[in-house]
Amino acid sequence: MELILIRHGLPVRSDTHADPELSDEGHDQARRVARWLADDGVDAAWSSPMRRAVQTAEPFVALGGHALRLHEGVAEFDRDSGAYVPMEVLKREDYAAWRALAEGGHDIDVAAFQAAVVSALEEVIAAHPGQRVAVFCHGGVINVWTAHILRMEPRLFFEPGYTSVHRFMCARGGQRAVVSLNERAHLREVASAI
């Protein structure tokens, strides 16, 4: 089966909770990725229960007529924190804090987070043999799943773009392979005709 992970669109920053909604730009990104994936023959759609992931999935499920299923196991590691600061903003504003987070600091057990994500995605894979499934989730989820597939130590090692698409082939025998990472062609502006 093909597992397609999609990072959520750009959310608003929140200093009061870790589950903000999408910004206007994030909603535009969600519409673009929905159109990008519309002809991919996706059989099922799943999402993190967090607002930014669900709002990113909504245009896709509306376009394709899919029912959206939620899975707690693909929620982001920061879901219980008191604020949401996008990783790229944190990197720019407080590089030391970003680096500590990327290396497993800030009281985040990256290995436990990875184990939960792998378990959740393996449940999704098992539920859809031979199908193509879209899962709307988060940058941390994509990082630890990819690290698992590549047999790397659990860590946050790359920056998935907003509404980036990441594809994996998942065989019944347990083999897992990366097909593509960080697809973002849908975010390019279409050049106007001259």
C-alpha atoms as a PDB file:
ATOM      1  CA  MET A   1       0.000   0.000   0.000  1.00  0.00           C
ATOM      2  CA  GLU A   2       1.040   3.609  -0.385  1.00  0.00           C
ATOM      3  CA  LEU A   3       1.072   5.794   2.700  1.00  0.00           C
ATOM      4  CA  ILE A   4       0.968   9.526   1.978  1.00  0.00           C
ATOM      5  CA  LEU A   5       1.761  11.843   4.875  1.00  0.00           C
ATOM      6  CA  ILE A   6       0.796  15.501   4.491  1.00  0.00           C
ATOM      7  CA  ARG A   7       1.953  18.178   6.906  1.00  0.00           C
ATOM      8  CA  HIS A   8      -0.688  20.685   7.947  1.00  0.00           C
ATOM      9  CA  GLY A   9      -0.853  24.192   6.494  1.00  0.00           C
ATOM     10  CA  LEU A  10       0.520  27.311   8.165  1.00  0.00           C
ATOM     11  CA  PRO A  11      -1.328  27.902  11.452  1.00  0.00           C
ATOM     12  CA  VAL A  12      -1.652  31.108  13.394  1.00  0.00           C
ATOM     13  CA  ARG A  13       0.749  31.492  16.288  1.00  0.00           C
ATOM     14  CA  SER A  14      -0.772  30.931  19.698  1.00  0.00           C
ATOM     15  CA  ASP A  15       0.612  31.945  23.068  1.00  0.00           C
ATOM     16  CA  THR A  16      -2.314  30.350  24.940  1.00  0.00           C
ATOM     17  CA  HIS A  17      -2.671  26.795  23.552  1.00  0.00           C
ATOM     18  CA  ALA A  18      -1.005  24.258  21.263  1.00  0.00           C
ATOM     19  CA  ASP A  19      -3.936  23.707  18.901  1.00  0.00           C
ATOM     20  CA  PRO A  20      -4.363  26.810  16.748  1.00  0.00           C
ATOM     21  CA  GLU A  21      -6.363  27.017  13.560  1.00  0.00           C
ATOM     22  CA  LEU A  22      -4.928  27.642  10.128  1.00  0.00           C
ATOM     23  CA  SER A  23      -4.015  31.120   8.973  1.00  0.00           C
ATOM     24  CA  ASP A  24      -5.457  32.481   5.714  1.00  0.00           C
ATOM     25  CA  GLU A  25      -2.268  31.336   3.981  1.00  0.00           C
ATOM     26  CA  GLY A  26      -2.658  27.904   5.597  1.00  0.00           C
ATOM     27  CA  HIS A  27      -6.199  27.574   4.227  1.00  0.00           C
ATOM     28  CA  ASP A  28      -4.884  28.469   0.754  1.00  0.00           C
ATOM     29  CA  GLN A  29      -2.147  25.837   1.116  1.00  0.00           C
ATOM     30  CA  ALA A  30      -4.785  23.272   2.152  1.00  0.00           C
ATOM     31  CA  ARG A  31      -6.843  23.981  -0.973  1.00  0.00           C
ATOM     32  CA  ARG A  32      -3.732  23.666  -3.147  1.00  0.00           C
ATOM     33  CA  VAL A  33      -2.659  20.323  -1.694  1.00  0.00           C
ATOM     34  CA  ALA A  34      -6.247  19.042  -2.054  1.00  0.00           C
ATOM     35  CA  ARG A  35      -6.162  19.813  -5.778  1.00  0.00           C
ATOM     36  CA  TRP A  36      -2.628  18.353  -6.065  1.00  0.00           C
ATOM     37  CA  LEU A  37      -3.736  15.033  -4.551  1.00  0.00           C
ATOM     38  CA  ALA A  38      -7.190  14.920  -6.176  1.00  0.00           C
ATOM     39  CA  ASP A  39      -6.124  12.636  -9.035  1.00  0.00           C
ATOM     40  CA  ASP A  40      -3.893  10.335  -6.960  1.00  0.00           C
ATOM     41  CA  GLY A  41      -6.588   7.703  -6.428  1.00  0.00           C
ATOM     42  CA  VAL A  42      -6.551   7.966  -2.650  1.00  0.00           C
ATOM     43  CA  ASP A  43      -8.799   5.368  -1.023  1.00  0.00           C
ATOM     44  CA  ALA A  44      -8.982   6.713   2.532  1.00  0.00           C
ATOM     45  CA  ALA A  45      -8.134   9.822   4.553  1.00  0.00           C
ATOM     46  CA  TRP A  46      -6.936  10.038   8.137  1.00  0.00           C
ATOM     47  CA  SER A  47      -5.899  12.980  10.283  1.00  0.00           C
ATOM     48  CA  SER A  48      -4.431  13.994  13.569  1.00  0.00           C
ATOM     49  CA  PRO A  49      -7.259  15.300  15.766  1.00  0.00           C
ATOM     50  CA  MET A  50      -5.453  18.639  16.102  1.00  0.00           C
ATOM     51  CA  ARG A  51      -7.264  21.573  14.482  1.00  0.00           C
ATOM     52  CA  ARG A  52      -4.512  22.563  12.025  1.00  0.00           C
ATOM     53  CA  ALA A  53      -4.358  19.025  10.601  1.00  0.00           C
ATOM     54  CA  VAL A  54      -8.136  18.597  10.382  1.00  0.00           C
ATOM     55  CA  GLN A  55      -8.546  21.982   8.668  1.00  0.00           C
ATOM     56  CA  THR A  56      -5.840  21.006   6.178  1.00  0.00           C
ATOM     57  CA  ALA A  57      -7.647  17.744   5.425  1.00  0.00           C
ATOM     58  CA  GLU A  58     -11.093  19.300   4.977  1.00  0.00           C
ATOM     59  CA  PRO A  59     -10.702  20.581   1.379  1.00  0.00           C
ATOM     60  CA  PHE A  60      -9.237  17.224   0.326  1.00  0.00           C
ATOM     61  CA  VAL A  61     -12.034  15.121   1.822  1.00  0.00           C
ATOM     62  CA  ALA A  62     -14.665  17.510   0.436  1.00  0.00           C
ATOM     63  CA  LEU A  63     -13.138  17.298  -3.050  1.00  0.00           C
ATOM     64  CA  GLY A  64     -12.771  13.517  -2.992  1.00  0.00           C
ATOM     65  CA  GLY A  65     -15.889  12.623  -1.030  1.00  0.00           C
ATOM     66  CA  HIS A  66     -13.859  10.839   1.645  1.00  0.00           C
ATOM     67  CA  ALA A  67     -14.851  10.341   5.256  1.00  0.00           C
ATOM     68  CA  LEU A  68     -12.122  11.692   7.530  1.00  0.00           C
ATOM     69  CA  ARG A  69     -10.968   9.344  10.264  1.00  0.00           C
ATOM     70  CA  LEU A  70      -9.008  10.725  13.238  1.00  0.00           C
ATOM     71  CA  HIS A  71      -6.134   8.988  15.022  1.00  0.00           C
ATOM     72  CA  GLU A  72      -4.683  10.277  18.291  1.00  0.00           C
ATOM     73  CA  GLY A  73      -1.403   8.535  17.512  1.00  0.00           C
ATOM     74  CA  VAL A  74      -0.484  11.031  14.791  1.00  0.00           C
ATOM     75  CA  ALA A  75      -0.977  14.147  16.927  1.00  0.00           C
ATOM     76  CA  GLU A  76       2.098  16.338  17.376  1.00  0.00           C
ATOM     77  CA  PHE A  77       4.486  15.914  20.300  1.00  0.00           C
ATOM     78  CA  ASP A  78       3.660  19.418  21.589  1.00  0.00           C
ATOM     79  CA  ARG A  79      -0.100  18.841  21.819  1.00  0.00           C
ATOM     80  CA  ASP A  80      -0.161  19.394  25.578  1.00  0.00           C
ATOM     81  CA  SER A  81       2.042  22.477  25.665  1.00  0.00           C
ATOM     82  CA  GLY A  82       0.599  25.867  26.464  1.00  0.00           C
ATOM     83  CA  ALA A  83       1.540  27.528  23.169  1.00  0.00           C
ATOM     84  CA  TYR A  84       2.248  26.915  19.507  1.00  0.00           C
ATOM     85  CA  VAL A  85       5.303  28.421  17.865  1.00  0.00           C
ATOM     86  CA  PRO A  86       6.102  27.084  14.384  1.00  0.00           C
ATOM     87  CA  MET A  87       9.511  25.379  14.294  1.00  0.00           C
ATOM     88  CA  GLU A  88      10.869  27.800  11.707  1.00  0.00           C
ATOM     89  CA  VAL A  89       9.818  30.748  13.885  1.00  0.00           C
ATOM     90  CA  LEU A  90      11.374  29.148  16.958  1.00  0.00           C
ATOM     91  CA  LYS A  91      14.564  28.548  14.968  1.00  0.00           C
ATOM     92  CA  ARG A  92      14.681  32.203  13.966  1.00  0.00           C
ATOM     93  CA  GLU A  93      13.722  33.655  17.369  1.00  0.00           C
ATOM     94  CA  ASP A  94      15.451  31.234  19.755  1.00  0.00           C
ATOM     95  CA  TYR A  95      17.968  29.041  17.979  1.00  0.00           C
ATOM     96  CA  ALA A  96      19.170  27.385  21.205  1.00  0.00           C
ATOM     97  CA  ALA A  97      15.610  26.338  22.092  1.00  0.00           C
ATOM     98  CA  TRP A  98      15.016  25.071  18.541  1.00  0.00           C
ATOM     99  CA  ARG A  99      18.244  23.063  18.605  1.00  0.00           C
ATOM    100  CA  ALA A 100      17.424  21.561  21.992  1.00  0.00           C
ATOM    101  CA  LEU A 101      13.992  20.585  20.698  1.00  0.00           C
ATOM    102  CA  ALA A 102      15.420  19.076  17.512  1.00  0.00           C
ATOM    103  CA  GLU A 103      17.859  17.049  19.613  1.00  0.00           C
ATOM    104  CA  GLY A 104      15.159  15.761  21.948  1.00  0.00           C
ATOM    105  CA  GLY A 105      15.278  18.440  24.638  1.00  0.00           C
ATOM    106  CA  HIS A 106      12.443  20.312  26.335  1.00  0.00           C
ATOM    107  CA  ASP A 107      11.236  17.204  28.178  1.00  0.00           C
ATOM    108  CA  ILE A 108      10.224  15.454  24.965  1.00  0.00           C
ATOM    109  CA  ASP A 109      10.896  11.744  24.880  1.00  0.00           C
ATOM    110  CA  VAL A 110      11.492  11.466  21.136  1.00  0.00           C
ATOM    111  CA  ALA A 111      11.862   7.671  21.297  1.00  0.00           C
ATOM    112  CA  ALA A 112       8.482   7.296  23.024  1.00  0.00           C
ATOM    113  CA  PHE A 113       6.911   9.751  20.582  1.00  0.00           C
ATOM    114  CA  GLN A 114       8.331   7.770  17.666  1.00  0.00           C
ATOM    115  CA  ALA A 115       7.028   4.497  19.109  1.00  0.00           C
ATOM    116  CA  ALA A 116       3.516   5.969  19.362  1.00  0.00           C
ATOM    117  CA  VAL A 117       3.648   7.340  15.822  1.00  0.00           C
ATOM    118  CA  VAL A 118       4.968   4.087  14.353  1.00  0.00           C
ATOM    119  CA  SER A 119       2.269   2.108  16.157  1.00  0.00           C
ATOM    120  CA  ALA A 120      -0.453   4.457  14.881  1.00  0.00           C
ATOM    121  CA  LEU A 121       0.749   4.431  11.291  1.00  0.00           C
ATOM    122  CA  GLU A 122       1.155   0.661  11.318  1.00  0.00           C
ATOM    123  CA  GLU A 123      -2.516   0.453  12.403  1.00  0.00           C
ATOM    124  CA  VAL A 124      -3.479   2.636   9.431  1.00  0.00           C
ATOM    125  CA  ILE A 125      -1.360   0.498   7.096  1.00  0.00           C
ATOM    126  CA  ALA A 126      -2.914  -2.729   8.406  1.00  0.00           C
ATOM    127  CA  ALA A 127      -6.422  -1.317   7.912  1.00  0.00           C
ATOM    128  CA  HIS A 128      -5.815  -0.548   4.218  1.00  0.00           C
ATOM    129  CA  PRO A 129      -3.937  -3.383   2.455  1.00  0.00           C
ATOM    130  CA  GLY A 130      -3.335  -2.635  -1.202  1.00  0.00           C
ATOM    131  CA  GLN A 131      -4.745   0.883  -0.929  1.00  0.00           C
ATOM    132  CA  ARG A 132      -3.459   4.447  -1.093  1.00  0.00           C
ATOM    133  CA  VAL A 133      -4.066   6.390   2.129  1.00  0.00           C
ATOM    134  CA  ALA A 134      -3.569  10.083   2.945  1.00  0.00           C
ATOM    135  CA  VAL A 135      -2.724  11.012   6.545  1.00  0.00           C
ATOM    136  CA  PHE A 136      -2.800  14.706   7.492  1.00  0.00           C
ATOM    137  CA  CYS A 137      -0.407  15.239  10.355  1.00  0.00           C
ATOM    138  CA  HIS A 138       2.583  17.216  11.634  1.00  0.00           C
ATOM    139  CA  GLY A 139       6.261  17.846  11.024  1.00  0.00           C
ATOM    140  CA  GLY A 140       7.351  15.887  14.088  1.00  0.00           C
ATOM    141  CA  VAL A 141       5.253  12.891  13.043  1.00  0.00           C
ATOM    142  CA  ILE A 142       6.775  12.934   9.550  1.00  0.00           C
ATOM    143  CA  ASN A 143      10.285  13.243  10.996  1.00  0.00           C
ATOM    144  CA  VAL A 144      10.077  10.316  13.404  1.00  0.00           C
ATOM    145  CA  TRP A 145       8.279   8.046  10.900  1.00  0.00           C
ATOM    146  CA  THR A 146      10.902   8.821   8.244  1.00  0.00           C
ATOM    147  CA  ALA A 147      13.721   8.243  10.744  1.00  0.00           C
ATOM    148  CA  HIS A 148      12.117   4.880  11.562  1.00  0.00           C
ATOM    149  CA  ILE A 149      11.935   3.899   7.869  1.00  0.00           C
ATOM    150  CA  LEU A 150      15.542   4.968   7.316  1.00  0.00           C
ATOM    151  CA  ARG A 151      16.617   3.130  10.502  1.00  0.00           C
ATOM    152  CA  MET A 152      17.992   6.281  12.055  1.00  0.00           C
ATOM    153  CA  GLU A 153      17.849   7.196  15.717  1.00  0.00           C
ATOM    154  CA  PRO A 154      14.558   8.906  16.585  1.00  0.00           C
ATOM    155  CA  ARG A 155      15.014  12.611  16.006  1.00  0.00           C
ATOM    156  CA  LEU A 156      13.746  15.687  14.215  1.00  0.00           C
ATOM    157  CA  PHE A 157      16.231  15.851  11.371  1.00  0.00           C
ATOM    158  CA  PHE A 158      14.563  17.775   8.533  1.00  0.00           C
ATOM    159  CA  GLU A 159      11.969  20.487   8.017  1.00  0.00           C
ATOM    160  CA  PRO A 160       8.842  19.348   6.200  1.00  0.00           C
ATOM    161  CA  GLY A 161       7.243  22.354   4.497  1.00  0.00           C
ATOM    162  CA  TYR A 162       3.646  23.335   5.138  1.00  0.00           C
ATOM    163  CA  THR A 163       1.329  20.995   3.191  1.00  0.00           C
ATOM    164  CA  SER A 164       4.354  19.078   1.958  1.00  0.00           C
ATOM    165  CA  VAL A 165       3.644  15.546   0.726  1.00  0.00           C
ATOM    166  CA  HIS A 166       5.720  12.515   1.787  1.00  0.00           C
ATOM    167  CA  ARG A 167       5.149   9.107   0.171  1.00  0.00           C
ATOM    168  CA  PHE A 168       6.042   5.648   1.467  1.00  0.00           C
ATOM    169  CA  MET A 169       5.476   2.151   0.080  1.00  0.00           C
ATOM    170  CA  CYS A 170       4.443  -0.328   2.756  1.00  0.00           C
ATOM    171  CA  ALA A 171       4.484  -4.032   1.888  1.00  0.00           C
ATOM    172  CA  ARG A 172       2.433  -6.706   3.640  1.00  0.00           C
ATOM    173  CA  GLY A 173       5.701  -8.444   4.591  1.00  0.00           C
ATOM    174  CA  GLY A 174       6.752  -5.455   6.696  1.00  0.00           C
ATOM    175  CA  GLN A 175       9.089  -3.787   4.216  1.00  0.00           C
ATOM    176  CA  ARG A 176       8.825   0.011   4.211  1.00  0.00           C
ATOM    177  CA  ALA A 177      10.416   2.338   1.651  1.00  0.00           C
ATOM    178  CA  VAL A 178      10.623   6.074   1.075  1.00  0.00           C
ATOM    179  CA  VAL A 179       9.199   7.106  -2.299  1.00  0.00           C
ATOM    180  CA  SER A 180       9.478  10.884  -1.905  1.00  0.00           C
ATOM    181  CA  LEU A 181       9.910  13.548   0.762  1.00  0.00           C
ATOM    182  CA  ASN A 182       8.846  17.185   0.904  1.00  0.00           C
ATOM    183  CA  GLU A 183       6.890  17.413  -2.360  1.00  0.00           C
ATOM    184  CA  ARG A 184       5.792  21.063  -2.648  1.00  0.00           C
ATOM    185  CA  ALA A 185       5.174  21.696  -6.344  1.00  0.00           C
ATOM    186  CA  HIS A 186       1.536  22.522  -5.566  1.00  0.00           C
ATOM    187  CA  LEU A 187       2.682  25.661  -3.736  1.00  0.00           C
ATOM    188  CA  ARG A 188       4.371  27.207  -6.779  1.00  0.00           C
ATOM    189  CA  GLU A 189       2.598  30.168  -8.291  1.00  0.00           C
ATOM    190  CA  VAL A 190       1.200  29.482 -11.727  1.00  0.00           C
ATOM    191  CA  ALA A 191       2.808  31.816 -14.214  1.00  0.00           C
ATOM    192  CA  SER A 192       0.248  33.934 -16.010  1.00  0.00           C
ATOM    193  CA  ALA A 193       0.014  33.631 -19.775  1.00  0.00           C
ATOM    194  CA  ILE A 194       1.689  36.452 -21.696  1.00  0.00           C
END
